[in-house]
Amino acid sequence: MGGSIAGGVSGLGVACACALLVSGCATRHKDLAEESISPKAPFSKTFTGSGDVVCWSVKRALLSQGYMLDRSAESGVLTGTRDYQPTDKLNVSYHLQTTCADNKDGTSIVFVTATREESQLQKMKQTTSMGIGPATLTMPSGSARVLGVIRRETVKDPSFYTTFFSLVQGYADQERLARARDRDRDDRGARTNDDRRPREAAQDQPNGPSGQTEARNDQ
């Protein structure tokens, strides 16, 4: 009877352990799901300015950090890649995709997603096939070193995106100031032209007021 009790207790312990394990896995899956969708995600920011100003600033920000831009068929979408090699056998790539849209209310929104990818030189076996049909034999023919991806993940560090958005903000401010100066210069030029026209019209008259008086006296 003691053995049956011990066996029952042991079975109950295993069942509890399994239940805790399943519960832990479910909680972990729930945490991952909540992390994937969050209203506090750092991947977007709204800027003051029209779409052409803000979108051009996004492009300047990417180029200023050494990202090689790819052509995109979709308007407002930019993708860029930047590589560096911390060791002889490891290559790290950052891939950024940005989407810029004009909100039509004097502001524009920018979405950014960054992916970090690590690639490492790996030894790969090469084979050679000889024969015809069912009589084909595959034989090793050596090996080669190739660059294979060993890790890929989305960058979630808020400071990374904060720094990028600060660059965009700086270029957007510069662009707005430059356009404001251009508008002021054009307005001053237009006012100068308007003031000059009456004087030029008066100078173009063949006989001024004095000429008209002299003509009446001659009569």
N, C-alpha and C. Protein backbone atom coordinates (compact mmCIF):
# COMPACT_ATOMS: atom_id res chain seq x y z
N MET A 1 0.84 -1.20 0.00
CA MET A 1 0.00 0.00 0.00
C MET A 1 0.87 1.24 0.00
N GLY A 2 1.99 1.19 0.78
CA GLY A 2 2.92 2.32 0.82
C GLY A 2 3.47 2.61 -0.55
N GLY A 3 3.77 1.50 -1.30
CA GLY A 3 4.32 1.70 -2.64
C GLY A 3 3.32 2.38 -3.54
N SER A 4 2.03 2.02 -3.41
CA SER A 4 1.02 2.64 -4.27
C SER A 4 0.85 4.11 -3.93
N ILE A 5 0.96 4.43 -2.62
CA ILE A 5 0.85 5.84 -2.22
C ILE A 5 2.02 6.63 -2.78
N ALA A 6 3.23 6.05 -2.64
CA ALA A 6 4.42 6.73 -3.15
C ALA A 6 4.32 6.93 -4.66
N GLY A 7 3.81 5.87 -5.32
CA GLY A 7 3.66 6.00 -6.78
C GLY A 7 2.67 7.08 -7.13
N GLY A 8 1.57 7.18 -6.34
CA GLY A 8 0.57 8.21 -6.61
C GLY A 8 1.14 9.60 -6.40
N VAL A 9 1.93 9.75 -5.33
CA VAL A 9 2.54 11.06 -5.06
C VAL A 9 3.52 11.42 -6.17
N SER A 10 4.30 10.41 -6.59
CA SER A 10 5.25 10.66 -7.67
C SER A 10 4.54 11.07 -8.95
N GLY A 11 3.45 10.35 -9.26
CA GLY A 11 2.69 10.70 -10.46
C GLY A 11 2.10 12.10 -10.36
N LEU A 12 1.60 12.46 -9.16
CA LEU A 12 1.05 13.79 -8.96
C LEU A 12 2.11 14.86 -9.15
N GLY A 13 3.33 14.57 -8.67
CA GLY A 13 4.43 15.54 -8.84
C GLY A 13 4.77 15.75 -10.30
N VAL A 14 4.82 14.66 -11.05
CA VAL A 14 5.10 14.77 -12.49
C VAL A 14 4.01 15.56 -13.18
N ALA A 15 2.75 15.29 -12.82
CA ALA A 15 1.64 16.00 -13.43
C ALA A 15 1.71 17.49 -13.13
N CYS A 16 2.07 17.82 -11.86
CA CYS A 16 2.19 19.24 -11.50
C CYS A 16 3.32 19.91 -12.26
N ALA A 17 4.44 19.18 -12.39
CA ALA A 17 5.57 19.73 -13.13
C ALA A 17 5.20 19.99 -14.58
N CYS A 18 4.49 19.04 -15.18
CA CYS A 18 4.06 19.22 -16.57
C CYS A 18 3.11 20.41 -16.70
N ALA A 19 2.21 20.53 -15.72
CA ALA A 19 1.26 21.64 -15.76
C ALA A 19 1.98 22.97 -15.66
N LEU A 20 2.98 23.05 -14.76
CA LEU A 20 3.76 24.29 -14.62
C LEU A 20 4.53 24.60 -15.90
N LEU A 21 5.08 23.55 -16.52
CA LEU A 21 5.83 23.74 -17.76
C LEU A 21 4.93 24.27 -18.87
N VAL A 22 3.76 23.65 -19.00
CA VAL A 22 2.81 24.10 -20.02
C VAL A 22 2.36 25.53 -19.74
N SER A 23 2.11 25.84 -18.46
CA SER A 23 1.69 27.18 -18.09
C SER A 23 2.77 28.20 -18.39
N GLY A 24 4.03 27.81 -18.10
CA GLY A 24 5.15 28.72 -18.40
C GLY A 24 5.29 28.97 -19.88
N CYS A 25 5.14 27.93 -20.69
CA CYS A 25 5.23 28.10 -22.15
C CYS A 25 4.11 29.00 -22.66
N ALA A 26 2.91 28.79 -22.11
CA ALA A 26 1.77 29.61 -22.55
C ALA A 26 2.01 31.07 -22.18
N THR A 27 2.55 31.30 -20.97
CA THR A 27 2.84 32.68 -20.56
C THR A 27 3.88 33.31 -21.45
N ARG A 28 4.91 32.52 -21.80
CA ARG A 28 5.96 33.04 -22.68
C ARG A 28 5.41 33.39 -24.05
N HIS A 29 4.56 32.52 -24.59
CA HIS A 29 3.95 32.81 -25.89
C HIS A 29 3.09 34.07 -25.81
N LYS A 30 2.40 34.25 -24.68
CA LYS A 30 1.57 35.44 -24.51
C LYS A 30 2.44 36.68 -24.45
N ASP A 31 3.59 36.60 -23.74
CA ASP A 31 4.50 37.75 -23.66
C ASP A 31 5.03 38.11 -25.04
N LEU A 32 5.40 37.11 -25.82
CA LEU A 32 5.91 37.37 -27.17
C LEU A 32 4.84 38.02 -28.03
N ALA A 33 3.60 37.55 -27.90
CA ALA A 33 2.52 38.13 -28.68
C ALA A 33 2.27 39.58 -28.29
N GLU A 34 2.32 39.86 -26.98
CA GLU A 34 2.12 41.24 -26.53
C GLU A 34 3.26 42.13 -26.97
N GLU A 35 4.49 41.61 -27.01
CA GLU A 35 5.64 42.39 -27.44
C GLU A 35 5.56 42.71 -28.94
N SER A 36 4.97 41.82 -29.72
CA SER A 36 4.94 42.02 -31.17
C SER A 36 3.97 43.13 -31.56
N ILE A 37 2.93 43.36 -30.77
CA ILE A 37 1.97 44.43 -31.04
C ILE A 37 1.87 45.29 -29.78
N SER A 38 2.31 46.57 -29.90
CA SER A 38 2.28 47.44 -28.73
C SER A 38 2.06 48.88 -29.17
N PRO A 39 1.18 49.60 -28.48
CA PRO A 39 0.98 51.02 -28.83
C PRO A 39 2.19 51.89 -28.52
N LYS A 40 3.13 51.36 -27.72
CA LYS A 40 4.33 52.12 -27.36
C LYS A 40 5.53 51.74 -28.22
N ALA A 41 5.30 51.08 -29.35
CA ALA A 41 6.39 50.68 -30.23
C ALA A 41 7.12 51.92 -30.74
N PRO A 42 8.45 51.83 -30.88
CA PRO A 42 9.24 53.03 -31.24
C PRO A 42 9.42 53.22 -32.73
N PHE A 43 8.59 52.58 -33.56
CA PHE A 43 8.87 52.53 -34.99
C PHE A 43 8.25 53.66 -35.82
N SER A 44 7.63 54.65 -35.20
CA SER A 44 7.02 55.73 -35.97
C SER A 44 7.10 57.04 -35.20
N LYS A 45 7.04 58.14 -35.98
CA LYS A 45 7.06 59.48 -35.37
C LYS A 45 6.39 60.46 -36.34
N THR A 46 5.64 61.41 -35.78
CA THR A 46 4.99 62.45 -36.57
C THR A 46 5.82 63.72 -36.50
N PHE A 47 6.06 64.33 -37.68
CA PHE A 47 6.86 65.53 -37.78
C PHE A 47 6.00 66.68 -38.31
N THR A 48 6.35 67.88 -37.91
CA THR A 48 5.73 69.06 -38.49
C THR A 48 6.35 69.34 -39.85
N GLY A 49 5.52 69.47 -40.86
CA GLY A 49 6.03 69.73 -42.20
C GLY A 49 5.29 68.92 -43.25
N SER A 50 5.38 69.38 -44.48
CA SER A 50 4.73 68.68 -45.59
C SER A 50 5.47 67.40 -45.92
N GLY A 51 4.83 66.57 -46.73
CA GLY A 51 5.43 65.29 -47.08
C GLY A 51 6.73 65.43 -47.84
N ASP A 52 6.80 66.40 -48.77
CA ASP A 52 8.03 66.52 -49.56
C ASP A 52 9.20 66.96 -48.70
N VAL A 53 8.96 67.82 -47.69
CA VAL A 53 10.03 68.25 -46.80
C VAL A 53 10.50 67.10 -45.92
N VAL A 54 9.56 66.42 -45.27
CA VAL A 54 9.92 65.36 -44.32
C VAL A 54 10.50 64.15 -45.04
N CYS A 55 9.92 63.76 -46.17
CA CYS A 55 10.41 62.58 -46.89
C CYS A 55 11.82 62.83 -47.43
N TRP A 56 12.08 64.03 -47.91
CA TRP A 56 13.42 64.36 -48.36
C TRP A 56 14.41 64.34 -47.19
N SER A 57 13.96 64.73 -46.01
CA SER A 57 14.81 64.70 -44.82
C SER A 57 15.13 63.27 -44.41
N VAL A 58 14.18 62.35 -44.58
CA VAL A 58 14.44 60.94 -44.29
C VAL A 58 15.55 60.41 -45.20
N LYS A 59 15.48 60.74 -46.46
CA LYS A 59 16.50 60.29 -47.42
C LYS A 59 17.87 60.86 -47.05
N ARG A 60 17.91 62.12 -46.68
CA ARG A 60 19.19 62.74 -46.29
C ARG A 60 19.75 62.08 -45.02
N ALA A 61 18.86 61.73 -44.09
CA ALA A 61 19.31 61.08 -42.85
C ALA A 61 19.95 59.72 -43.15
N LEU A 62 19.33 58.95 -44.04
CA LEU A 62 19.89 57.64 -44.40
C LEU A 62 21.24 57.80 -45.09
N LEU A 63 21.32 58.72 -46.05
CA LEU A 63 22.57 58.91 -46.78
C LEU A 63 23.67 59.42 -45.87
N SER A 64 23.34 60.23 -44.89
CA SER A 64 24.36 60.78 -44.00
C SER A 64 25.01 59.73 -43.12
N GLN A 65 24.34 58.58 -42.94
CA GLN A 65 24.87 57.51 -42.10
C GLN A 65 25.49 56.38 -42.90
N GLY A 66 25.67 56.58 -44.20
CA GLY A 66 26.35 55.59 -45.01
C GLY A 66 25.48 54.45 -45.50
N TYR A 67 24.16 54.62 -45.52
CA TYR A 67 23.29 53.55 -46.01
C TYR A 67 23.21 53.60 -47.53
N MET A 68 23.37 52.43 -48.15
CA MET A 68 23.21 52.30 -49.59
C MET A 68 21.72 52.12 -49.88
N LEU A 69 21.14 53.04 -50.64
CA LEU A 69 19.71 53.02 -50.88
C LEU A 69 19.37 52.17 -52.10
N ASP A 70 18.27 51.44 -51.98
CA ASP A 70 17.75 50.64 -53.10
C ASP A 70 16.59 51.39 -53.74
N ARG A 71 16.43 51.18 -55.03
CA ARG A 71 15.31 51.79 -55.73
C ARG A 71 14.01 51.09 -55.32
N SER A 72 12.97 51.91 -55.13
CA SER A 72 11.67 51.36 -54.75
C SER A 72 10.63 51.86 -55.74
N ALA A 73 9.76 50.94 -56.15
CA ALA A 73 8.70 51.31 -57.08
C ALA A 73 7.56 52.03 -56.38
N GLU A 74 7.53 51.96 -55.06
CA GLU A 74 6.45 52.57 -54.29
C GLU A 74 6.87 53.93 -53.78
N SER A 75 6.07 54.93 -54.03
CA SER A 75 6.38 56.29 -53.61
C SER A 75 6.36 56.38 -52.08
N GLY A 76 7.34 57.09 -51.53
CA GLY A 76 7.40 57.28 -50.09
C GLY A 76 8.11 56.18 -49.34
N VAL A 77 8.56 55.14 -50.02
CA VAL A 77 9.23 54.01 -49.37
C VAL A 77 10.72 54.02 -49.75
N LEU A 78 11.58 53.94 -48.75
CA LEU A 78 13.02 53.87 -48.96
C LEU A 78 13.57 52.68 -48.19
N THR A 79 14.51 51.97 -48.79
CA THR A 79 15.21 50.89 -48.10
C THR A 79 16.71 51.11 -48.25
N GLY A 80 17.42 50.87 -47.17
CA GLY A 80 18.86 51.07 -47.19
C GLY A 80 19.58 49.98 -46.42
N THR A 81 20.84 49.76 -46.77
CA THR A 81 21.65 48.72 -46.12
C THR A 81 23.01 49.30 -45.74
N ARG A 82 23.47 48.91 -44.59
CA ARG A 82 24.80 49.31 -44.12
C ARG A 82 25.49 48.09 -43.54
N ASP A 83 26.74 47.86 -43.93
CA ASP A 83 27.50 46.68 -43.47
C ASP A 83 28.74 47.10 -42.72
N TYR A 84 29.12 46.28 -41.76
CA TYR A 84 30.44 46.43 -41.14
C TYR A 84 30.91 45.05 -40.68
N GLN A 85 32.20 44.93 -40.48
CA GLN A 85 32.82 43.63 -40.21
C GLN A 85 33.63 43.71 -38.93
N PRO A 86 33.02 43.34 -37.80
CA PRO A 86 33.75 43.43 -36.53
C PRO A 86 34.91 42.45 -36.42
N THR A 87 34.82 41.28 -37.07
CA THR A 87 35.90 40.30 -37.08
C THR A 87 36.09 39.80 -38.51
N ASP A 88 37.15 39.03 -38.71
CA ASP A 88 37.45 38.53 -40.06
C ASP A 88 36.36 37.58 -40.58
N LYS A 89 35.70 36.88 -39.68
CA LYS A 89 34.74 35.87 -40.11
C LYS A 89 33.28 36.27 -39.89
N LEU A 90 33.06 37.48 -39.35
CA LEU A 90 31.69 37.89 -39.03
C LEU A 90 31.35 39.19 -39.77
N ASN A 91 30.21 39.19 -40.42
CA ASN A 91 29.70 40.38 -41.10
C ASN A 91 28.34 40.75 -40.51
N VAL A 92 28.15 42.02 -40.20
CA VAL A 92 26.90 42.51 -39.61
C VAL A 92 26.27 43.51 -40.58
N SER A 93 25.00 43.31 -40.89
CA SER A 93 24.28 44.18 -41.80
C SER A 93 23.06 44.77 -41.09
N TYR A 94 22.84 46.05 -41.32
CA TYR A 94 21.62 46.70 -40.87
C TYR A 94 20.79 47.05 -42.10
N HIS A 95 19.55 46.60 -42.09
CA HIS A 95 18.62 46.89 -43.17
C HIS A 95 17.52 47.80 -42.61
N LEU A 96 17.35 48.95 -43.21
CA LEU A 96 16.32 49.90 -42.79
C LEU A 96 15.29 50.08 -43.90
N GLN A 97 14.03 50.04 -43.51
CA GLN A 97 12.96 50.39 -44.44
C GLN A 97 12.14 51.52 -43.83
N THR A 98 11.99 52.60 -44.58
CA THR A 98 11.24 53.75 -44.11
C THR A 98 10.05 54.00 -45.02
N THR A 99 8.96 54.43 -44.42
CA THR A 99 7.76 54.82 -45.17
C THR A 99 7.33 56.19 -44.67
N CYS A 100 7.18 57.12 -45.60
CA CYS A 100 6.83 58.49 -45.26
C CYS A 100 5.51 58.85 -45.91
N ALA A 101 4.62 59.48 -45.14
CA ALA A 101 3.29 59.83 -45.66
C ALA A 101 2.88 61.20 -45.15
N ASP A 102 2.29 62.00 -46.04
CA ASP A 102 1.79 63.33 -45.68
C ASP A 102 0.40 63.17 -45.06
N ASN A 103 0.21 63.75 -43.86
CA ASN A 103 -1.08 63.66 -43.19
C ASN A 103 -2.09 64.69 -43.69
N LYS A 104 -1.68 65.57 -44.59
CA LYS A 104 -2.55 66.60 -45.18
C LYS A 104 -3.08 67.59 -44.15
N ASP A 105 -2.38 67.72 -43.03
CA ASP A 105 -2.79 68.70 -42.01
C ASP A 105 -1.59 69.51 -41.53
N GLY A 106 -0.55 69.57 -42.35
CA GLY A 106 0.67 70.27 -41.96
C GLY A 106 1.68 69.39 -41.26
N THR A 107 1.37 68.10 -41.12
CA THR A 107 2.31 67.16 -40.51
C THR A 107 2.49 65.96 -41.43
N SER A 108 3.55 65.20 -41.15
CA SER A 108 3.83 63.97 -41.89
C SER A 108 4.29 62.91 -40.90
N ILE A 109 4.01 61.66 -41.22
CA ILE A 109 4.39 60.56 -40.34
C ILE A 109 5.44 59.69 -41.03
N VAL A 110 6.40 59.23 -40.24
CA VAL A 110 7.48 58.39 -40.75
C VAL A 110 7.49 57.08 -39.97
N PHE A 111 7.48 55.96 -40.69
CA PHE A 111 7.60 54.63 -40.10
C PHE A 111 8.98 54.08 -40.46
N VAL A 112 9.64 53.47 -39.49
CA VAL A 112 10.98 52.91 -39.71
C VAL A 112 11.04 51.52 -39.07
N THR A 113 11.59 50.58 -39.81
CA THR A 113 11.86 49.24 -39.28
C THR A 113 13.31 48.88 -39.62
N ALA A 114 14.06 48.49 -38.60
CA ALA A 114 15.46 48.12 -38.79
C ALA A 114 15.64 46.65 -38.45
N THR A 115 16.41 45.96 -39.27
CA THR A 115 16.74 44.55 -39.04
C THR A 115 18.24 44.39 -38.96
N ARG A 116 18.69 43.67 -37.95
CA ARG A 116 20.11 43.38 -37.78
C ARG A 116 20.38 41.94 -38.18
N GLU A 117 21.31 41.75 -39.07
CA GLU A 117 21.59 40.42 -39.60
C GLU A 117 23.08 40.11 -39.45
N GLU A 118 23.37 38.96 -38.86
CA GLU A 118 24.75 38.53 -38.68
C GLU A 118 25.03 37.34 -39.61
N SER A 119 26.11 37.45 -40.36
CA SER A 119 26.53 36.38 -41.26
C SER A 119 27.96 35.97 -40.93
N GLN A 120 28.22 34.68 -41.07
CA GLN A 120 29.53 34.15 -40.70
C GLN A 120 30.04 33.22 -41.79
N LEU A 121 31.36 33.22 -41.97
CA LEU A 121 31.95 32.29 -42.93
C LEU A 121 31.79 30.87 -42.42
N GLN A 122 31.21 30.02 -43.26
CA GLN A 122 30.97 28.63 -42.89
C GLN A 122 31.56 27.71 -43.96
N LYS A 123 32.02 26.57 -43.49
CA LYS A 123 32.59 25.58 -44.41
C LYS A 123 31.48 24.73 -44.98
N MET A 124 31.42 24.65 -46.30
CA MET A 124 30.36 23.91 -46.97
C MET A 124 30.97 22.82 -47.85
N LYS A 125 30.45 21.62 -47.73
CA LYS A 125 30.96 20.51 -48.56
C LYS A 125 30.39 20.62 -49.97
N GLN A 126 31.23 20.31 -50.93
CA GLN A 126 30.81 20.30 -52.33
C GLN A 126 30.86 18.87 -52.85
N THR A 127 29.92 18.56 -53.71
CA THR A 127 29.84 17.20 -54.27
C THR A 127 29.77 17.26 -55.79
N THR A 128 30.14 16.14 -56.39
CA THR A 128 30.08 16.01 -57.84
C THR A 128 29.30 14.75 -58.19
N SER A 129 28.39 14.87 -59.13
CA SER A 129 27.59 13.73 -59.56
C SER A 129 28.13 13.18 -60.87
N MET A 130 28.26 11.85 -60.91
CA MET A 130 28.76 11.19 -62.11
C MET A 130 27.83 10.04 -62.47
N GLY A 131 27.62 9.83 -63.76
CA GLY A 131 26.78 8.73 -64.21
C GLY A 131 25.53 9.22 -64.90
N ILE A 132 24.67 8.26 -65.26
CA ILE A 132 23.44 8.57 -65.98
C ILE A 132 22.30 7.82 -65.32
N GLY A 133 21.22 8.54 -65.05
CA GLY A 133 20.02 7.92 -64.52
C GLY A 133 20.25 7.26 -63.17
N PRO A 134 19.73 6.04 -62.99
CA PRO A 134 19.85 5.36 -61.70
C PRO A 134 21.29 5.07 -61.32
N ALA A 135 22.19 5.04 -62.30
CA ALA A 135 23.58 4.71 -62.02
C ALA A 135 24.40 5.93 -61.60
N THR A 136 23.75 7.03 -61.28
CA THR A 136 24.46 8.25 -60.89
C THR A 136 25.08 8.09 -59.51
N LEU A 137 26.32 8.47 -59.41
CA LEU A 137 27.04 8.45 -58.14
C LEU A 137 27.37 9.87 -57.72
N THR A 138 27.21 10.14 -56.43
CA THR A 138 27.55 11.45 -55.88
C THR A 138 28.79 11.29 -55.02
N MET A 139 29.82 12.06 -55.35
CA MET A 139 31.09 11.93 -54.65
C MET A 139 31.52 13.30 -54.13
N PRO A 140 32.13 13.33 -52.95
CA PRO A 140 32.63 14.61 -52.44
C PRO A 140 33.75 15.13 -53.32
N SER A 141 33.71 16.44 -53.53
CA SER A 141 34.75 17.04 -54.39
C SER A 141 35.49 18.18 -53.71
N GLY A 142 35.33 18.29 -52.42
CA GLY A 142 36.04 19.34 -51.69
C GLY A 142 35.09 20.16 -50.84
N SER A 143 35.55 21.32 -50.48
CA SER A 143 34.74 22.20 -49.64
C SER A 143 35.03 23.65 -50.01
N ALA A 144 34.12 24.53 -49.61
CA ALA A 144 34.27 25.96 -49.88
C ALA A 144 33.73 26.74 -48.70
N ARG A 145 34.24 27.94 -48.53
CA ARG A 145 33.76 28.81 -47.46
C ARG A 145 32.74 29.79 -48.04
N VAL A 146 31.58 29.82 -47.43
CA VAL A 146 30.51 30.72 -47.88
C VAL A 146 30.01 31.51 -46.68
N LEU A 147 29.41 32.67 -46.99
CA LEU A 147 28.86 33.53 -45.95
C LEU A 147 27.41 33.13 -45.70
N GLY A 148 27.14 32.60 -44.53
CA GLY A 148 25.79 32.15 -44.19
C GLY A 148 25.22 32.93 -43.02
N VAL A 149 23.92 33.21 -43.08
CA VAL A 149 23.24 33.95 -42.02
C VAL A 149 23.11 33.07 -40.78
N ILE A 150 23.55 33.59 -39.65
CA ILE A 150 23.46 32.83 -38.40
C ILE A 150 22.46 33.46 -37.43
N ARG A 151 22.10 34.73 -37.70
CA ARG A 151 21.14 35.39 -36.79
C ARG A 151 20.50 36.58 -37.50
N ARG A 152 19.20 36.73 -37.29
CA ARG A 152 18.47 37.86 -37.87
C ARG A 152 17.36 38.26 -36.91
N GLU A 153 17.28 39.55 -36.60
CA GLU A 153 16.24 40.01 -35.70
C GLU A 153 15.92 41.48 -35.96
N THR A 154 14.70 41.87 -35.58
CA THR A 154 14.28 43.26 -35.69
C THR A 154 14.87 44.06 -34.54
N VAL A 155 15.43 45.20 -34.85
CA VAL A 155 15.98 46.07 -33.81
C VAL A 155 14.83 46.71 -33.05
N LYS A 156 14.81 46.51 -31.74
CA LYS A 156 13.73 47.05 -30.92
C LYS A 156 14.20 48.10 -29.93
N ASP A 157 15.48 48.43 -29.95
CA ASP A 157 16.03 49.41 -29.01
C ASP A 157 15.46 50.80 -29.32
N PRO A 158 14.71 51.41 -28.40
CA PRO A 158 14.13 52.74 -28.69
C PRO A 158 15.17 53.80 -28.98
N SER A 159 16.35 53.71 -28.37
CA SER A 159 17.38 54.73 -28.59
C SER A 159 17.86 54.74 -30.04
N PHE A 160 17.85 53.58 -30.69
CA PHE A 160 18.25 53.51 -32.10
C PHE A 160 17.31 54.38 -32.95
N TYR A 161 16.02 54.23 -32.73
CA TYR A 161 15.03 54.97 -33.52
C TYR A 161 14.99 56.44 -33.10
N THR A 162 15.20 56.71 -31.81
CA THR A 162 15.24 58.10 -31.34
C THR A 162 16.35 58.87 -32.03
N THR A 163 17.52 58.22 -32.15
CA THR A 163 18.64 58.87 -32.82
C THR A 163 18.34 59.13 -34.29
N PHE A 164 17.73 58.16 -34.96
CA PHE A 164 17.40 58.34 -36.37
C PHE A 164 16.36 59.45 -36.56
N PHE A 165 15.34 59.47 -35.72
CA PHE A 165 14.32 60.51 -35.84
C PHE A 165 14.89 61.89 -35.54
N SER A 166 15.88 61.96 -34.65
CA SER A 166 16.53 63.25 -34.37
C SER A 166 17.26 63.77 -35.60
N LEU A 167 17.89 62.85 -36.35
CA LEU A 167 18.54 63.25 -37.61
C LEU A 167 17.51 63.78 -38.60
N VAL A 168 16.40 63.07 -38.73
CA VAL A 168 15.34 63.50 -39.64
C VAL A 168 14.83 64.89 -39.23
N GLN A 169 14.63 65.10 -37.93
CA GLN A 169 14.13 66.38 -37.45
C GLN A 169 15.10 67.51 -37.79
N GLY A 170 16.40 67.25 -37.62
CA GLY A 170 17.40 68.27 -37.94
C GLY A 170 17.38 68.66 -39.40
N TYR A 171 17.30 67.68 -40.29
CA TYR A 171 17.25 67.98 -41.72
C TYR A 171 15.94 68.65 -42.11
N ALA A 172 14.84 68.26 -41.46
CA ALA A 172 13.56 68.90 -41.76
C ALA A 172 13.58 70.37 -41.36
N ASP A 173 14.19 70.68 -40.22
CA ASP A 173 14.30 72.08 -39.79
C ASP A 173 15.14 72.88 -40.78
N GLN A 174 16.25 72.30 -41.23
CA GLN A 174 17.08 72.98 -42.22
C GLN A 174 16.31 73.25 -43.51
N GLU A 175 15.55 72.27 -43.96
CA GLU A 175 14.81 72.41 -45.21
C GLU A 175 13.73 73.48 -45.08
N ARG A 176 13.04 73.54 -43.93
CA ARG A 176 12.01 74.55 -43.75
C ARG A 176 12.60 75.95 -43.73
N LEU A 177 13.76 76.12 -43.06
CA LEU A 177 14.41 77.42 -43.02
C LEU A 177 14.85 77.85 -44.41
N ALA A 178 15.40 76.91 -45.17
CA ALA A 178 15.85 77.24 -46.53
C ALA A 178 14.68 77.65 -47.40
N ARG A 179 13.57 76.96 -47.29
CA ARG A 179 12.40 77.31 -48.11
C ARG A 179 11.80 78.64 -47.66
N ALA A 180 11.84 78.91 -46.36
CA ALA A 180 11.33 80.19 -45.88
C ALA A 180 12.19 81.34 -46.40
N ARG A 181 13.50 81.16 -46.43
CA ARG A 181 14.38 82.19 -46.98
C ARG A 181 14.10 82.41 -48.47
N ASP A 182 13.88 81.33 -49.20
CA ASP A 182 13.57 81.46 -50.62
C ASP A 182 12.26 82.23 -50.83
N ARG A 183 11.26 81.94 -50.01
CA ARG A 183 9.99 82.65 -50.15
C ARG A 183 10.15 84.13 -49.84
N ASP A 184 10.91 84.46 -48.78
CA ASP A 184 11.13 85.86 -48.43
C ASP A 184 11.86 86.59 -49.56
N ARG A 185 12.84 85.95 -50.15
CA ARG A 185 13.57 86.58 -51.24
C ARG A 185 12.66 86.81 -52.44
N ASP A 186 11.80 85.84 -52.74
CA ASP A 186 10.87 86.01 -53.86
C ASP A 186 9.86 87.11 -53.58
N ASP A 187 9.40 87.20 -52.32
CA ASP A 187 8.43 88.25 -51.97
C ASP A 187 9.07 89.63 -52.07
N ARG A 188 10.32 89.75 -51.62
CA ARG A 188 11.00 91.05 -51.72
C ARG A 188 11.20 91.44 -53.18
N GLY A 189 11.53 90.46 -54.00
CA GLY A 189 11.70 90.75 -55.42
C GLY A 189 10.40 91.18 -56.07
N ALA A 190 9.30 90.55 -55.69
CA ALA A 190 8.00 90.91 -56.26
C ALA A 190 7.59 92.31 -55.82
N ARG A 191 7.83 92.67 -54.53
CA ARG A 191 7.49 94.02 -54.06
C ARG A 191 8.33 95.07 -54.74
N THR A 192 9.61 94.77 -54.96
CA THR A 192 10.48 95.73 -55.65
C THR A 192 10.00 95.98 -57.06
N ASN A 193 9.57 94.94 -57.75
CA ASN A 193 9.05 95.09 -59.11
C ASN A 193 7.77 95.91 -59.13
N ASP A 194 6.90 95.70 -58.13
CA ASP A 194 5.64 96.45 -58.06
C ASP A 194 5.90 97.93 -57.83
N ASP A 195 6.90 98.27 -56.97
CA ASP A 195 7.22 99.67 -56.70
C ASP A 195 7.87 100.35 -57.89
N ARG A 196 8.58 99.60 -58.70
CA ARG A 196 9.30 100.17 -59.82
C ARG A 196 8.38 100.50 -61.00
N ARG A 197 7.27 99.79 -61.14
CA ARG A 197 6.42 99.97 -62.31
C ARG A 197 5.82 101.38 -62.41
N PRO A 198 5.24 101.99 -61.31
CA PRO A 198 4.69 103.34 -61.45
C PRO A 198 5.73 104.37 -61.86
N ARG A 199 6.94 104.28 -61.31
CA ARG A 199 7.99 105.23 -61.67
C ARG A 199 8.38 105.09 -63.13
N GLU A 200 8.49 103.85 -63.58
CA GLU A 200 8.85 103.64 -64.98
C GLU A 200 7.76 104.14 -65.91
N ALA A 201 6.50 103.98 -65.50
CA ALA A 201 5.39 104.45 -66.33
C ALA A 201 5.41 105.97 -66.44
N ALA A 202 5.73 106.67 -65.34
CA ALA A 202 5.78 108.13 -65.37
C ALA A 202 6.92 108.62 -66.24
N GLN A 203 8.05 107.92 -66.18
CA GLN A 203 9.20 108.33 -66.98
C GLN A 203 8.97 108.09 -68.47
N ASP A 204 8.12 107.14 -68.80
CA ASP A 204 7.89 106.81 -70.21
C ASP A 204 6.93 107.78 -70.89
N GLN A 205 6.26 108.72 -70.16
CA GLN A 205 5.34 109.67 -70.79
C GLN A 205 6.13 110.66 -71.64
N PRO A 206 5.73 110.92 -72.94
CA PRO A 206 6.50 111.80 -73.83
C PRO A 206 6.49 113.25 -73.37
N ASN A 207 5.39 113.75 -72.86
CA ASN A 207 5.28 115.12 -72.37
C ASN A 207 4.75 115.09 -70.95
N GLY A 208 5.51 115.59 -70.06
CA GLY A 208 5.04 115.65 -68.68
C GLY A 208 4.07 116.78 -68.53
N PRO A 209 3.66 117.12 -67.32
CA PRO A 209 2.73 118.22 -67.07
C PRO A 209 3.25 119.54 -67.60
N SER A 210 4.54 119.81 -67.49
CA SER A 210 5.09 121.06 -67.98
C SER A 210 5.04 121.13 -69.49
N GLY A 211 5.25 120.03 -70.17
CA GLY A 211 5.20 119.98 -71.62
C GLY A 211 3.81 120.28 -72.12
N GLN A 212 2.80 119.75 -71.41
CA GLN A 212 1.44 120.02 -71.82
C GLN A 212 1.10 121.50 -71.66
N THR A 213 1.62 122.17 -70.64
CA THR A 213 1.36 123.60 -70.42
C THR A 213 1.98 124.44 -71.51
N GLU A 214 3.21 124.07 -71.89
CA GLU A 214 3.90 124.80 -72.94
C GLU A 214 3.15 124.68 -74.25
N ALA A 215 2.59 123.48 -74.53
CA ALA A 215 1.86 123.31 -75.78
C ALA A 215 0.63 124.19 -75.82
N ARG A 216 -0.08 124.42 -74.69
CA ARG A 216 -1.24 125.27 -74.66
C ARG A 216 -0.87 126.73 -74.85
N ASN A 217 0.29 127.16 -74.30
CA ASN A 217 0.73 128.54 -74.45
C ASN A 217 1.08 128.85 -75.88
N ASP A 218 1.64 127.86 -76.58
CA ASP A 218 2.00 128.09 -77.97
C ASP A 218 0.77 128.31 -78.83
N GLN A 219 -0.33 127.65 -78.44
CA GLN A 219 -1.54 127.83 -79.19
C GLN A 219 -2.10 129.23 -78.98
